[in-house]
């Protein structure tokens, strides 16, 4: 009963922090059990809360002005600093899997308008019940634009419309947690063949192998695989062939690089990748083409943790969103005492919510508390300043925690092909 009440209290705190635009607080919280697809009778959905604050205010909480909403501001009323925090929180929520099309429940049967002393009483109100956060945001934009077209209104809504436009852009981007669909095995086999056949490939990826000091996974020893990875890698530049149509379809970054003749990559049809391994690039391409691990030999082993994190770093750099999602989930399942510090650093640096939650849960597990406290005090040579600061804040806030989830990895139907 106590654990249940504690969980409910933690969830309430998350909702209130979202509605208050508390970006730093939300990112510091343990979000591993929070459902980004949920709806709430008071806040609507997580994205409603970020954009519009608290939708339903009880009678004993009501204030005299519509704008204040009892301390829960929104994107439009917020000052410059809070507006930026809410926009960053909106990006974070989308990366965490929030759905902009979740509708607010019927209990959120309220309307809102903006303006106040600027003539807001004549502004067209927007309603929330049965409407998604995206719908409400677009309705707010229409309402404000109508107000700007009113010849009797001389108020400047430039900053508000700019913030709304940026929010619309964020919500219209592909979500990091895409739904999965069943695919016939022969389809995946076809794409494996495409990846393996370089006769039609028109792009060369030149791989400059990583060194232990360059690698984003430099803290992992043999147990995590970095040393083996480096010993196996050739010191020479290795070329891997790929197809521009596939790379461009998967990544807007790669599409821009390869389609712009003014850029070296576009002119030479070649991309140079430094500080990484050939295994990393091959893993990345396998996930781009097939969404699974493609083993080129019968004795191929599952990628070690260092290769996985290097691929995650490269996928994030190239904005390969579905690959980032696959690798982040795989990394979160493989956190252990040997790897959690370097994974923690990657999660903080790339702002990966699932991996970060897994690292925090692992760090606060009873068997790891001693090591985590040493790391927070700077007694571990591999711990970065960012990890040390986050651990210190985490251990000051919580004295206990739960171990990271050990969900099993998926198994494909053929020996040669595996899901991460």
Foldseek 3Di string as FASTA:
>chain_A
DVVVVVVVVLQVVLLQCLQQLVLVVNLLGQCQPPDQADQDLFQGGSLSSLAARTLDDDPVQDDPDQQCSNVRHHLQSDDPVSVVSSLVSLLLSLQVPHAQFRAHAQSSFDWGWDDVVQPGVPFDIDGGHRGGNLRRLVVRLVRVVVQVPPPVGPDDRVVSNVSSVSSNVSNPDDGLDDDDDDDDPVQLVVLVVQQVDQPPFQAKEWEQEADLVLALQNQFDVVQPPVVQVVPADNDIDIGTHHQVLLVVQFVQSVVQCCDCVHPCVVVRYHYDYNHGPLLVQQLVSCSRRVWGFAPDLPDDDDGNSSLLRNLVVCLVRVRSNSVSQSLVVNLQPDDPRRLQSLCVSCVVSVNSSSNSQSLQQCQAPVNVVVLVCVLVVVDPPHDPVSNVSSVVSCVVDNHHHHGDNDDFAQDPDSRIGHD
